[in-house]
């Protein structure tokens, strides 16, 4: 049987690894002491917005706090924060089989190429996690938004595709993962907005002021991608070019259609909100910062995304502050973009 290790068993890693284990795959979770303690006490409960529920008893969960557990893996799902990519690559290089396949399940665009340069002996594939997961009390991990996992097409991943099909951690293999990654990043531009709002995703997305900031970020991202001749893939209910108009639409339209299409439930919130709460450095450089970096490379500007980056960097520096939708819109949108 194909042996799988999830390196970075946080919210996403535990949900994906737990669901795959419940589907009969050989999965070892590699993560922190406190996660191991939670699982040892409660086992794992995996749920989603659509009524899915699975239990993995504590005795059936293979968990290690040491990267030495990577040595037995044929496939390594890398779910560490983007800020920990270099350290994770060092651990993989030190412990993993040279023939292992590494799938980046991280945010952003640049991690895959970074991993490929750091891990020349392993096969590194791009992956994409489009959904939100919340770690809840009692050893429960809850998928709160719509979406299926995607990864570069590779024969080594077929056992996961077969076993996980139809479940909440279904894996779809693609030939256009760069486009997929940019399509997902456009949606992920909301991570920082949600964290700055300090409220659940459902409540934040119900406020048109926050959505107008998000619409402006996405519109700006699309402009930068067009200049770079990159076509983002459709990874949500709407094609990327339609997103600014729909996201920025009046509440009576978005709140009755948009929230339902994305299956946003009231437990969901962004991973960056968790980072803020736990005092961890954010992944902003791998989210809105990717748009800003590409714009600079092209000699153009991305002022709305830059404004979001600046606000998050202030939180990273210790200035904890939450923003109302009205205040965030006034802070980030210029006169030119107020109509977004």
C-alpha atoms as a PDB file:
ATOM      1  CA  UNK A   1       0.000   0.000   0.000  1.00  0.00           C
ATOM      2  CA  UNK A   2       1.158   3.539  -0.771  1.00  0.00           C
ATOM      3  CA  UNK A   3       2.462   5.177   2.389  1.00  0.00           C
ATOM      4  CA  UNK A   4       1.509   8.830   2.881  1.00  0.00           C
ATOM      5  CA  UNK A   5       2.895  11.353   5.360  1.00  0.00           C
ATOM      6  CA  UNK A   6       1.275  14.729   6.002  1.00  0.00           C
ATOM      7  CA  UNK A   7       4.070  17.048   7.090  1.00  0.00           C
ATOM      8  CA  UNK A   8       2.540  19.973   8.948  1.00  0.00           C
ATOM      9  CA  UNK A   9      -0.536  18.445  10.583  1.00  0.00           C
ATOM     10  CA  UNK A  10      -2.382  21.629  11.462  1.00  0.00           C
ATOM     11  CA  UNK A  11      -5.974  22.358  10.481  1.00  0.00           C
ATOM     12  CA  UNK A  12      -5.636  21.517   6.774  1.00  0.00           C
ATOM     13  CA  UNK A  13      -3.152  18.690   7.324  1.00  0.00           C
ATOM     14  CA  UNK A  14      -5.260  16.988   9.979  1.00  0.00           C
ATOM     15  CA  UNK A  15      -8.459  17.240   7.957  1.00  0.00           C
ATOM     16  CA  UNK A  16      -6.950  15.985   4.710  1.00  0.00           C
ATOM     17  CA  UNK A  17      -4.867  13.290   6.381  1.00  0.00           C
ATOM     18  CA  UNK A  18      -7.725  12.258   8.654  1.00  0.00           C
ATOM     19  CA  UNK A  19     -10.228  11.929   5.807  1.00  0.00           C
ATOM     20  CA  UNK A  20      -7.726   9.958   3.721  1.00  0.00           C
ATOM     21  CA  UNK A  21      -7.034   7.649   6.679  1.00  0.00           C
ATOM     22  CA  UNK A  22     -10.778   7.165   7.197  1.00  0.00           C
ATOM     23  CA  UNK A  23     -10.974   6.190   3.500  1.00  0.00           C
ATOM     24  CA  UNK A  24      -8.489   3.372   4.131  1.00  0.00           C
ATOM     25  CA  UNK A  25      -5.212   4.987   3.069  1.00  0.00           C
ATOM     26  CA  UNK A  26      -1.985   4.477   5.041  1.00  0.00           C
ATOM     27  CA  UNK A  27      -1.439   7.964   6.501  1.00  0.00           C
ATOM     28  CA  UNK A  28       1.015   9.246   9.105  1.00  0.00           C
ATOM     29  CA  UNK A  29       0.531  12.755  10.473  1.00  0.00           C
ATOM     30  CA  UNK A  30       3.641  14.728  11.379  1.00  0.00           C
ATOM     31  CA  UNK A  31       3.005  17.724  13.573  1.00  0.00           C
ATOM     32  CA  UNK A  32       3.254  19.438  16.921  1.00  0.00           C
ATOM     33  CA  UNK A  33       2.948  18.033  20.441  1.00  0.00           C
ATOM     34  CA  UNK A  34      -0.346  19.761  21.218  1.00  0.00           C
ATOM     35  CA  UNK A  35      -2.025  18.236  18.151  1.00  0.00           C
ATOM     36  CA  UNK A  36      -0.788  14.798  19.125  1.00  0.00           C
ATOM     37  CA  UNK A  37      -2.122  15.313  22.651  1.00  0.00           C
ATOM     38  CA  UNK A  38      -5.536  16.325  21.303  1.00  0.00           C
ATOM     39  CA  UNK A  39      -5.744  13.270  19.067  1.00  0.00           C
ATOM     40  CA  UNK A  40      -4.516  10.936  21.817  1.00  0.00           C
ATOM     41  CA  UNK A  41      -7.293  12.223  24.062  1.00  0.00           C
ATOM     42  CA  UNK A  42     -10.175  12.479  21.603  1.00  0.00           C
ATOM     43  CA  UNK A  43      -9.277  10.667  18.401  1.00  0.00           C
ATOM     44  CA  UNK A  44     -10.271  12.502  15.217  1.00  0.00           C
ATOM     45  CA  UNK A  45     -13.701  13.687  14.155  1.00  0.00           C
ATOM     46  CA  UNK A  46     -13.886  14.965  10.571  1.00  0.00           C
ATOM     47  CA  UNK A  47     -16.970  16.920   9.476  1.00  0.00           C
ATOM     48  CA  UNK A  48     -18.029  19.287   6.725  1.00  0.00           C
ATOM     49  CA  UNK A  49     -20.721  21.831   5.820  1.00  0.00           C
ATOM     50  CA  UNK A  50     -22.676  19.217   3.871  1.00  0.00           C
ATOM     51  CA  UNK A  51     -23.215  16.698   6.680  1.00  0.00           C
ATOM     52  CA  UNK A  52     -20.153  14.488   6.208  1.00  0.00           C
ATOM     53  CA  UNK A  53     -18.880  12.916   9.412  1.00  0.00           C
ATOM     54  CA  UNK A  54     -16.149  10.342  10.052  1.00  0.00           C
ATOM     55  CA  UNK A  55     -14.424   9.117  13.184  1.00  0.00           C
ATOM     56  CA  UNK A  56     -10.852   7.862  13.448  1.00  0.00           C
ATOM     57  CA  UNK A  57     -10.166   6.382  16.912  1.00  0.00           C
ATOM     58  CA  UNK A  58      -7.009   7.579  18.652  1.00  0.00           C
ATOM     59  CA  UNK A  59      -5.484   4.106  18.399  1.00  0.00           C
ATOM     60  CA  UNK A  60      -5.865   4.149  14.625  1.00  0.00           C
ATOM     61  CA  UNK A  61      -4.080   7.480  14.099  1.00  0.00           C
ATOM     62  CA  UNK A  62      -0.392   7.265  13.203  1.00  0.00           C
ATOM     63  CA  UNK A  63       1.120  10.502  14.523  1.00  0.00           C
ATOM     64  CA  UNK A  64       4.716  11.609  14.977  1.00  0.00           C
ATOM     65  CA  UNK A  65       6.251  14.800  16.281  1.00  0.00           C
ATOM     66  CA  UNK A  66       9.540  13.955  14.540  1.00  0.00           C
ATOM     67  CA  UNK A  67      10.307  14.461  10.847  1.00  0.00           C
ATOM     68  CA  UNK A  68      12.107  11.110  10.956  1.00  0.00           C
ATOM     69  CA  UNK A  69       8.647   9.629  10.262  1.00  0.00           C
ATOM     70  CA  UNK A  70       9.002  10.939   6.699  1.00  0.00           C
ATOM     71  CA  UNK A  71      11.518   8.183   5.959  1.00  0.00           C
ATOM     72  CA  UNK A  72       8.822   5.597   5.260  1.00  0.00           C
ATOM     73  CA  UNK A  73       6.637   7.778   3.048  1.00  0.00           C
ATOM     74  CA  UNK A  74       6.108   7.305  -0.672  1.00  0.00           C
ATOM     75  CA  UNK A  75       4.093  10.542  -0.825  1.00  0.00           C
ATOM     76  CA  UNK A  76       4.595  13.577   1.423  1.00  0.00           C
ATOM     77  CA  UNK A  77       1.770  16.107   1.573  1.00  0.00           C
ATOM     78  CA  UNK A  78       3.412  19.323   2.703  1.00  0.00           C
ATOM     79  CA  UNK A  79       0.937  21.436   4.672  1.00  0.00           C
ATOM     80  CA  UNK A  80       3.265  23.661   6.678  1.00  0.00           C
ATOM     81  CA  UNK A  81       2.833  27.428   6.553  1.00  0.00           C
ATOM     82  CA  UNK A  82       4.615  29.087   3.642  1.00  0.00           C
ATOM     83  CA  UNK A  83       6.863  30.832   6.150  1.00  0.00           C
ATOM     84  CA  UNK A  84       8.166  27.383   7.137  1.00  0.00           C
ATOM     85  CA  UNK A  85       8.954  26.084   3.653  1.00  0.00           C
ATOM     86  CA  UNK A  86      12.746  26.238   3.946  1.00  0.00           C
ATOM     87  CA  UNK A  87      12.829  24.441   7.290  1.00  0.00           C
ATOM     88  CA  UNK A  88      10.415  21.783   6.055  1.00  0.00           C
ATOM     89  CA  UNK A  89      12.573  21.257   2.964  1.00  0.00           C
ATOM     90  CA  UNK A  90      15.615  20.727   5.201  1.00  0.00           C
ATOM     91  CA  UNK A  91      13.685  18.101   7.180  1.00  0.00           C
ATOM     92  CA  UNK A  92      12.524  16.341   4.024  1.00  0.00           C
ATOM     93  CA  UNK A  93      16.031  16.383   2.608  1.00  0.00           C
ATOM     94  CA  UNK A  94      17.428  14.912   5.827  1.00  0.00           C
ATOM     95  CA  UNK A  95      14.857  12.163   6.346  1.00  0.00           C
ATOM     96  CA  UNK A  96      12.780  11.388   3.268  1.00  0.00           C
ATOM     97  CA  UNK A  97      13.357   8.756   0.629  1.00  0.00           C
ATOM     98  CA  UNK A  98      15.032  10.350  -2.431  1.00  0.00           C
ATOM     99  CA  UNK A  99      12.302   8.819  -4.576  1.00  0.00           C
ATOM    100  CA  UNK A 100       9.435  10.292  -2.543  1.00  0.00           C
ATOM    101  CA  UNK A 101       6.839  12.483  -4.209  1.00  0.00           C
ATOM    102  CA  UNK A 102       6.275  15.787  -2.378  1.00  0.00           C
ATOM    103  CA  UNK A 103       2.964  17.574  -2.934  1.00  0.00           C
ATOM    104  CA  UNK A 104       2.834  21.189  -1.791  1.00  0.00           C
ATOM    105  CA  UNK A 105      -0.559  21.848  -0.184  1.00  0.00           C
ATOM    106  CA  UNK A 106       0.479  25.391   0.712  1.00  0.00           C
ATOM    107  CA  UNK A 107      -0.780  28.855  -0.084  1.00  0.00           C
ATOM    108  CA  UNK A 108       0.818  31.060  -2.684  1.00  0.00           C
ATOM    109  CA  UNK A 109       2.600  30.615  -5.990  1.00  0.00           C
ATOM    110  CA  UNK A 110       6.310  30.519  -5.260  1.00  0.00           C
ATOM    111  CA  UNK A 111       6.559  27.565  -2.859  1.00  0.00           C
ATOM    112  CA  UNK A 112       6.688  24.895  -5.544  1.00  0.00           C
ATOM    113  CA  UNK A 113       9.685  26.337  -7.374  1.00  0.00           C
ATOM    114  CA  UNK A 114      11.410  26.963  -4.047  1.00  0.00           C
ATOM    115  CA  UNK A 115      10.876  23.341  -3.039  1.00  0.00           C
ATOM    116  CA  UNK A 116      12.102  22.059  -6.398  1.00  0.00           C
ATOM    117  CA  UNK A 117      15.338  24.002  -6.005  1.00  0.00           C
ATOM    118  CA  UNK A 118      15.815  22.762  -2.435  1.00  0.00           C
ATOM    119  CA  UNK A 119      14.806  19.125  -3.066  1.00  0.00           C
ATOM    120  CA  UNK A 120      16.473  18.036  -6.319  1.00  0.00           C
ATOM    121  CA  UNK A 121      16.253  14.325  -5.367  1.00  0.00           C
ATOM    122  CA  UNK A 122      12.492  14.355  -4.771  1.00  0.00           C
ATOM    123  CA  UNK A 123       9.673  14.862  -7.264  1.00  0.00           C
ATOM    124  CA  UNK A 124       7.849  18.042  -6.211  1.00  0.00           C
ATOM    125  CA  UNK A 125       4.268  18.569  -7.377  1.00  0.00           C
ATOM    126  CA  UNK A 126       2.009  21.587  -7.039  1.00  0.00           C
ATOM    127  CA  UNK A 127      -1.151  21.076  -5.027  1.00  0.00           C
ATOM    128  CA  UNK A 128      -4.076  23.297  -4.130  1.00  0.00           C
ATOM    129  CA  UNK A 129      -6.477  23.313  -1.172  1.00  0.00           C
ATOM    130  CA  UNK A 130      -9.485  25.497  -2.048  1.00  0.00           C
ATOM    131  CA  UNK A 131     -11.434  25.033   1.168  1.00  0.00           C
ATOM    132  CA  UNK A 132     -11.297  26.321   4.721  1.00  0.00           C
ATOM    133  CA  UNK A 133     -10.849  24.069   7.766  1.00  0.00           C
ATOM    134  CA  UNK A 134     -11.458  25.020  11.372  1.00  0.00           C
ATOM    135  CA  UNK A 135      -9.924  23.080  14.280  1.00  0.00           C
ATOM    136  CA  UNK A 136     -12.662  22.793  16.886  1.00  0.00           C
ATOM    137  CA  UNK A 137     -12.777  21.516  20.449  1.00  0.00           C
ATOM    138  CA  UNK A 138     -12.795  17.818  21.202  1.00  0.00           C
ATOM    139  CA  UNK A 139     -10.539  16.726  18.346  1.00  0.00           C
ATOM    140  CA  UNK A 140     -12.854  17.870  15.572  1.00  0.00           C
ATOM    141  CA  UNK A 141     -11.735  19.300  12.242  1.00  0.00           C
ATOM    142  CA  UNK A 142     -14.471  20.919  10.187  1.00  0.00           C
ATOM    143  CA  UNK A 143     -14.402  21.797   6.476  1.00  0.00           C
ATOM    144  CA  UNK A 144     -16.415  24.990   6.230  1.00  0.00           C
ATOM    145  CA  UNK A 145     -16.371  25.890   2.519  1.00  0.00           C
ATOM    146  CA  UNK A 146     -16.764  24.268  -0.896  1.00  0.00           C
ATOM    147  CA  UNK A 147     -13.974  22.733  -2.989  1.00  0.00           C
ATOM    148  CA  UNK A 148     -11.875  19.692  -3.912  1.00  0.00           C
ATOM    149  CA  UNK A 149      -8.117  19.220  -3.691  1.00  0.00           C
ATOM    150  CA  UNK A 150      -6.124  19.532  -6.908  1.00  0.00           C
ATOM    151  CA  UNK A 151      -2.573  18.525  -7.808  1.00  0.00           C
ATOM    152  CA  UNK A 152      -0.229  18.070 -10.749  1.00  0.00           C
ATOM    153  CA  UNK A 153      -1.009  14.921 -12.686  1.00  0.00           C
ATOM    154  CA  UNK A 154       1.276  12.077 -11.570  1.00  0.00           C
ATOM    155  CA  UNK A 155       0.719   8.317 -11.483  1.00  0.00           C
ATOM    156  CA  UNK A 156       1.921   8.093  -7.868  1.00  0.00           C
ATOM    157  CA  UNK A 157      -1.165  10.011  -6.739  1.00  0.00           C
ATOM    158  CA  UNK A 158      -3.698   7.661  -8.350  1.00  0.00           C
ATOM    159  CA  UNK A 159      -4.227   5.572  -5.167  1.00  0.00           C
ATOM    160  CA  UNK A 160      -5.328   8.738  -3.363  1.00  0.00           C
ATOM    161  CA  UNK A 161      -7.617   9.703  -6.242  1.00  0.00           C
ATOM    162  CA  UNK A 162      -9.246   6.272  -6.151  1.00  0.00           C
ATOM    163  CA  UNK A 163      -9.652   6.005  -2.365  1.00  0.00           C
ATOM    164  CA  UNK A 164     -10.742   9.591  -1.660  1.00  0.00           C
ATOM    165  CA  UNK A 165     -13.142   9.999  -4.593  1.00  0.00           C
ATOM    166  CA  UNK A 166     -16.493  11.462  -3.634  1.00  0.00           C
ATOM    167  CA  UNK A 167     -15.407  12.470  -0.138  1.00  0.00           C
ATOM    168  CA  UNK A 168     -14.605  15.901   1.302  1.00  0.00           C
ATOM    169  CA  UNK A 169     -10.885  15.463   0.521  1.00  0.00           C
ATOM    170  CA  UNK A 170     -11.353  14.283  -3.069  1.00  0.00           C
ATOM    171  CA  UNK A 171      -8.198  14.763  -5.149  1.00  0.00           C
ATOM    172  CA  UNK A 172      -8.426  15.936  -8.768  1.00  0.00           C
ATOM    173  CA  UNK A 173      -5.329  15.709 -10.989  1.00  0.00           C
ATOM    174  CA  UNK A 174      -4.685  18.614 -13.353  1.00  0.00           C
ATOM    175  CA  UNK A 175      -2.332  19.618 -16.160  1.00  0.00           C
ATOM    176  CA  UNK A 176      -2.636  23.377 -15.519  1.00  0.00           C
ATOM    177  CA  UNK A 177      -1.641  23.825 -11.897  1.00  0.00           C
ATOM    178  CA  UNK A 178       0.000  27.241 -12.377  1.00  0.00           C
ATOM    179  CA  UNK A 179      -3.319  28.587 -13.657  1.00  0.00           C
ATOM    180  CA  UNK A 180      -5.120  26.763 -10.837  1.00  0.00           C
ATOM    181  CA  UNK A 181      -2.755  28.251  -8.256  1.00  0.00           C
ATOM    182  CA  UNK A 182      -3.400  31.794  -9.495  1.00  0.00           C
ATOM    183  CA  UNK A 183      -7.140  31.141  -9.664  1.00  0.00           C
ATOM    184  CA  UNK A 184      -7.092  30.035  -6.050  1.00  0.00           C
ATOM    185  CA  UNK A 185      -4.855  32.908  -4.977  1.00  0.00           C
ATOM    186  CA  UNK A 186      -7.399  35.408  -6.300  1.00  0.00           C
ATOM    187  CA  UNK A 187      -9.946  33.887  -3.905  1.00  0.00           C
ATOM    188  CA  UNK A 188      -7.361  33.749  -1.123  1.00  0.00           C
ATOM    189  CA  UNK A 189      -6.929  37.516  -1.301  1.00  0.00           C
ATOM    190  CA  UNK A 190      -9.798  37.465   1.189  1.00  0.00           C
ATOM    191  CA  UNK A 191      -7.679  35.692   3.846  1.00  0.00           C
ATOM    192  CA  UNK A 192      -6.100  38.939   4.979  1.00  0.00           C
ATOM    193  CA  UNK A 193      -9.355  40.879   4.814  1.00  0.00           C
ATOM    194  CA  UNK A 194     -11.039  38.303   7.028  1.00  0.00           C
ATOM    195  CA  UNK A 195      -8.157  38.374   9.492  1.00  0.00           C
ATOM    196  CA  UNK A 196      -8.188  42.170   9.639  1.00  0.00           C
ATOM    197  CA  UNK A 197     -11.958  42.082  10.177  1.00  0.00           C
ATOM    198  CA  UNK A 198     -11.604  39.714  13.129  1.00  0.00           C
ATOM    199  CA  UNK A 199     -14.971  38.029  12.502  1.00  0.00           C
ATOM    200  CA  UNK A 200     -16.111  34.719  10.917  1.00  0.00           C
ATOM    201  CA  UNK A 201     -16.019  34.448   7.122  1.00  0.00           C
ATOM    202  CA  UNK A 202     -19.803  34.321   6.859  1.00  0.00           C
ATOM    203  CA  UNK A 203     -20.193  37.615   8.738  1.00  0.00           C
ATOM    204  CA  UNK A 204     -17.342  39.300   6.889  1.00  0.00           C
ATOM    205  CA  UNK A 205     -18.583  38.250   3.451  1.00  0.00           C
ATOM    206  CA  UNK A 206     -22.096  39.393   4.373  1.00  0.00           C
ATOM    207  CA  UNK A 207     -20.763  42.974   4.630  1.00  0.00           C
ATOM    208  CA  UNK A 208     -20.513  44.678   1.243  1.00  0.00           C
ATOM    209  CA  UNK A 209     -17.796  47.063   2.433  1.00  0.00           C
ATOM    210  CA  UNK A 210     -15.411  44.152   3.036  1.00  0.00           C
ATOM    211  CA  UNK A 211     -16.454  42.607  -0.261  1.00  0.00           C
ATOM    212  CA  UNK A 212     -15.725  45.838  -2.132  1.00  0.00           C
ATOM    213  CA  UNK A 213     -12.181  45.734  -0.792  1.00  0.00           C
ATOM    214  CA  UNK A 214     -11.926  42.104  -1.897  1.00  0.00           C
ATOM    215  CA  UNK A 215     -13.379  42.938  -5.316  1.00  0.00           C
ATOM    216  CA  UNK A 216     -10.767  45.660  -5.762  1.00  0.00           C
ATOM    217  CA  UNK A 217      -7.969  43.257  -4.749  1.00  0.00           C
ATOM    218  CA  UNK A 218      -9.188  40.638  -7.238  1.00  0.00           C
ATOM    219  CA  UNK A 219      -9.679  43.181 -10.043  1.00  0.00           C
ATOM    220  CA  UNK A 220      -6.162  44.480  -9.478  1.00  0.00           C
ATOM    221  CA  UNK A 221      -4.830  40.921  -9.448  1.00  0.00           C
ATOM    222  CA  UNK A 222      -6.538  40.177 -12.766  1.00  0.00           C
ATOM    223  CA  UNK A 223      -4.969  43.298 -14.289  1.00  0.00           C
ATOM    224  CA  UNK A 224      -1.513  42.197 -13.154  1.00  0.00           C
ATOM    225  CA  UNK A 225      -2.045  38.647 -14.448  1.00  0.00           C
ATOM    226  CA  UNK A 226      -3.203  39.972 -17.815  1.00  0.00           C
ATOM    227  CA  UNK A 227      -0.028  42.030 -18.053  1.00  0.00           C
ATOM    228  CA  UNK A 228       1.970  38.880 -17.250  1.00  0.00           C
ATOM    229  CA  UNK A 229       0.020  36.861 -19.861  1.00  0.00           C
ATOM    230  CA  UNK A 230      -1.228  34.431 -17.186  1.00  0.00           C
ATOM    231  CA  UNK A 231      -4.755  33.029 -17.427  1.00  0.00           C
ATOM    232  CA  UNK A 232      -6.087  32.048 -13.974  1.00  0.00           C
ATOM    233  CA  UNK A 233      -8.219  28.908 -13.854  1.00  0.00           C
ATOM    234  CA  UNK A 234     -11.815  28.744 -12.666  1.00  0.00           C
ATOM    235  CA  UNK A 235     -11.700  27.206  -9.175  1.00  0.00           C
ATOM    236  CA  UNK A 236     -14.990  28.515  -7.794  1.00  0.00           C
ATOM    237  CA  UNK A 237     -18.564  28.829  -9.006  1.00  0.00           C
ATOM    238  CA  UNK A 238     -17.616  31.736 -11.312  1.00  0.00           C
ATOM    239  CA  UNK A 239     -14.886  32.411 -13.895  1.00  0.00           C
ATOM    240  CA  UNK A 240     -12.169  34.690 -12.450  1.00  0.00           C
ATOM    241  CA  UNK A 241     -13.085  37.650 -14.684  1.00  0.00           C
ATOM    242  CA  UNK A 242     -16.622  37.674 -13.231  1.00  0.00           C
ATOM    243  CA  UNK A 243     -15.500  37.653  -9.608  1.00  0.00           C
ATOM    244  CA  UNK A 244     -15.014  41.408  -8.988  1.00  0.00           C
ATOM    245  CA  UNK A 245     -18.510  42.270 -10.188  1.00  0.00           C
ATOM    246  CA  UNK A 246     -20.176  39.433  -8.309  1.00  0.00           C
ATOM    247  CA  UNK A 247     -18.175  39.835  -5.094  1.00  0.00           C
ATOM    248  CA  UNK A 248     -18.879  43.553  -5.053  1.00  0.00           C
ATOM    249  CA  UNK A 249     -22.575  43.149  -5.812  1.00  0.00           C
ATOM    250  CA  UNK A 250     -25.306  44.407  -3.438  1.00  0.00           C
ATOM    251  CA  UNK A 251     -26.061  42.368  -0.329  1.00  0.00           C
ATOM    252  CA  UNK A 252     -29.477  41.233  -1.546  1.00  0.00           C
ATOM    253  CA  UNK A 253     -27.749  39.443  -4.444  1.00  0.00           C
ATOM    254  CA  UNK A 254     -24.517  38.189  -2.924  1.00  0.00           C
ATOM    255  CA  UNK A 255     -25.916  37.175   0.453  1.00  0.00           C
ATOM    256  CA  UNK A 256     -28.707  35.121  -1.083  1.00  0.00           C
ATOM    257  CA  UNK A 257     -26.647  33.498  -3.850  1.00  0.00           C
ATOM    258  CA  UNK A 258     -22.904  33.892  -3.277  1.00  0.00           C
ATOM    259  CA  UNK A 259     -22.703  32.551   0.259  1.00  0.00           C
ATOM    260  CA  UNK A 260     -24.806  29.539  -0.713  1.00  0.00           C
ATOM    261  CA  UNK A 261     -22.810  28.805  -3.871  1.00  0.00           C
ATOM    262  CA  UNK A 262     -19.563  28.781  -1.899  1.00  0.00           C
ATOM    263  CA  UNK A 263     -21.193  26.752   0.899  1.00  0.00           C
ATOM    264  CA  UNK A 264     -19.801  29.119   3.532  1.00  0.00           C
ATOM    265  CA  UNK A 265     -20.975  28.010   6.961  1.00  0.00           C
ATOM    266  CA  UNK A 266     -20.832  29.926  10.200  1.00  0.00           C
ATOM    267  CA  UNK A 267     -17.819  28.047  11.615  1.00  0.00           C
ATOM    268  CA  UNK A 268     -15.461  29.078   8.804  1.00  0.00           C
ATOM    269  CA  UNK A 269     -12.699  31.653   9.084  1.00  0.00           C
ATOM    270  CA  UNK A 270      -9.398  32.241   7.338  1.00  0.00           C
ATOM    271  CA  UNK A 271      -6.112  30.611   8.283  1.00  0.00           C
ATOM    272  CA  UNK A 272      -4.596  34.071   8.690  1.00  0.00           C
ATOM    273  CA  UNK A 273      -7.163  34.843  11.373  1.00  0.00           C
ATOM    274  CA  UNK A 274      -5.796  31.820  13.245  1.00  0.00           C
ATOM    275  CA  UNK A 275      -2.271  33.156  12.742  1.00  0.00           C
ATOM    276  CA  UNK A 276      -3.291  36.495  14.243  1.00  0.00           C
ATOM    277  CA  UNK A 277      -4.870  34.809  17.263  1.00  0.00           C
ATOM    278  CA  UNK A 278      -1.841  32.582  17.877  1.00  0.00           C
ATOM    279  CA  UNK A 279       0.729  35.329  17.351  1.00  0.00           C
ATOM    280  CA  UNK A 280       2.294  33.595  14.349  1.00  0.00           C
ATOM    281  CA  UNK A 281       3.863  35.462  11.459  1.00  0.00           C
ATOM    282  CA  UNK A 282       1.335  35.690   8.634  1.00  0.00           C
ATOM    283  CA  UNK A 283       1.623  34.322   5.093  1.00  0.00           C
ATOM    284  CA  UNK A 284       0.826  37.726   3.568  1.00  0.00           C
ATOM    285  CA  UNK A 285       3.923  37.648   1.324  1.00  0.00           C
ATOM    286  CA  UNK A 286       2.501  34.466  -0.258  1.00  0.00           C
ATOM    287  CA  UNK A 287      -0.989  35.890  -0.755  1.00  0.00           C
ATOM    288  CA  UNK A 288      -1.553  39.579  -1.579  1.00  0.00           C
ATOM    289  CA  UNK A 289       2.228  39.889  -1.591  1.00  0.00           C
ATOM    290  CA  UNK A 290       2.422  37.600  -4.631  1.00  0.00           C
ATOM    291  CA  UNK A 291       0.312  40.082  -6.605  1.00  0.00           C
ATOM    292  CA  UNK A 292       2.488  42.975  -5.427  1.00  0.00           C
ATOM    293  CA  UNK A 293       5.703  41.102  -6.293  1.00  0.00           C
ATOM    294  CA  UNK A 294       4.508  40.192  -9.793  1.00  0.00           C
ATOM    295  CA  UNK A 295       3.381  43.783 -10.384  1.00  0.00           C
ATOM    296  CA  UNK A 296       6.800  45.103  -9.372  1.00  0.00           C
ATOM    297  CA  UNK A 297       8.469  42.598 -11.671  1.00  0.00           C
ATOM    298  CA  UNK A 298       6.356  43.957 -14.527  1.00  0.00           C
ATOM    299  CA  UNK A 299       7.000  47.589 -13.615  1.00  0.00           C
ATOM    300  CA  UNK A 300       3.401  48.324 -12.624  1.00  0.00           C
ATOM    301  CA  UNK A 301       1.631  49.000  -9.334  1.00  0.00           C
ATOM    302  CA  UNK A 302      -0.858  47.116  -7.186  1.00  0.00           C
ATOM    303  CA  UNK A 303      -1.835  49.745  -4.592  1.00  0.00           C
ATOM    304  CA  UNK A 304      -4.870  48.009  -3.062  1.00  0.00           C
ATOM    305  CA  UNK A 305      -3.041  44.755  -2.452  1.00  0.00           C
ATOM    306  CA  UNK A 306      -0.049  46.742  -1.214  1.00  0.00           C
ATOM    307  CA  UNK A 307      -2.295  48.506   1.294  1.00  0.00           C
ATOM    308  CA  UNK A 308      -3.529  45.146   2.600  1.00  0.00           C
ATOM    309  CA  UNK A 309       0.048  43.884   2.847  1.00  0.00           C
ATOM    310  CA  UNK A 310       1.020  46.970   4.840  1.00  0.00           C
ATOM    311  CA  UNK A 311      -1.853  46.532   7.316  1.00  0.00           C
ATOM    312  CA  UNK A 312      -1.042  42.865   7.885  1.00  0.00           C
ATOM    313  CA  UNK A 313       2.668  43.673   8.328  1.00  0.00           C
ATOM    314  CA  UNK A 314       1.624  46.036  11.107  1.00  0.00           C
ATOM    315  CA  UNK A 315      -0.102  43.140  12.866  1.00  0.00           C
ATOM    316  CA  UNK A 316       2.985  40.974  12.305  1.00  0.00           C
ATOM    317  CA  UNK A 317       4.966  43.730  14.047  1.00  0.00           C
ATOM    318  CA  UNK A 318       2.673  43.562  17.075  1.00  0.00           C
ATOM    319  CA  UNK A 319       0.034  46.197  16.293  1.00  0.00           C
ATOM    320  CA  UNK A 320      -3.138  44.166  16.806  1.00  0.00           C
ATOM    321  CA  UNK A 321      -6.176  45.935  15.364  1.00  0.00           C
ATOM    322  CA  UNK A 322      -9.489  44.953  13.829  1.00  0.00           C
ATOM    323  CA  UNK A 323     -11.203  46.941  11.094  1.00  0.00           C
ATOM    324  CA  UNK A 324     -14.851  47.501  10.343  1.00  0.00           C
ATOM    325  CA  UNK A 325     -15.832  47.102   6.716  1.00  0.00           C
ATOM    326  CA  UNK A 326     -16.357  50.817   6.315  1.00  0.00           C
ATOM    327  CA  UNK A 327     -13.016  51.696   7.898  1.00  0.00           C
ATOM    328  CA  UNK A 328     -11.078  49.119   5.864  1.00  0.00           C
ATOM    329  CA  UNK A 329     -12.642  50.331   2.628  1.00  0.00           C
ATOM    330  CA  UNK A 330     -11.767  53.945   3.466  1.00  0.00           C
ATOM    331  CA  UNK A 331      -8.194  52.932   4.370  1.00  0.00           C
ATOM    332  CA  UNK A 332      -7.387  50.785   1.348  1.00  0.00           C
ATOM    333  CA  UNK A 333      -9.332  52.132  -1.620  1.00  0.00           C
ATOM    334  CA  UNK A 334      -8.298  55.282  -3.396  1.00  0.00           C
ATOM    335  CA  UNK A 335     -10.733  57.685  -5.020  1.00  0.00           C
ATOM    336  CA  UNK A 336     -10.161  55.818  -8.277  1.00  0.00           C
ATOM    337  CA  UNK A 337     -11.101  52.456  -6.759  1.00  0.00           C
ATOM    338  CA  UNK A 338     -13.929  53.517  -4.435  1.00  0.00           C
ATOM    339  CA  UNK A 339     -16.485  52.315  -6.935  1.00  0.00           C
ATOM    340  CA  UNK A 340     -15.197  48.709  -6.776  1.00  0.00           C
END
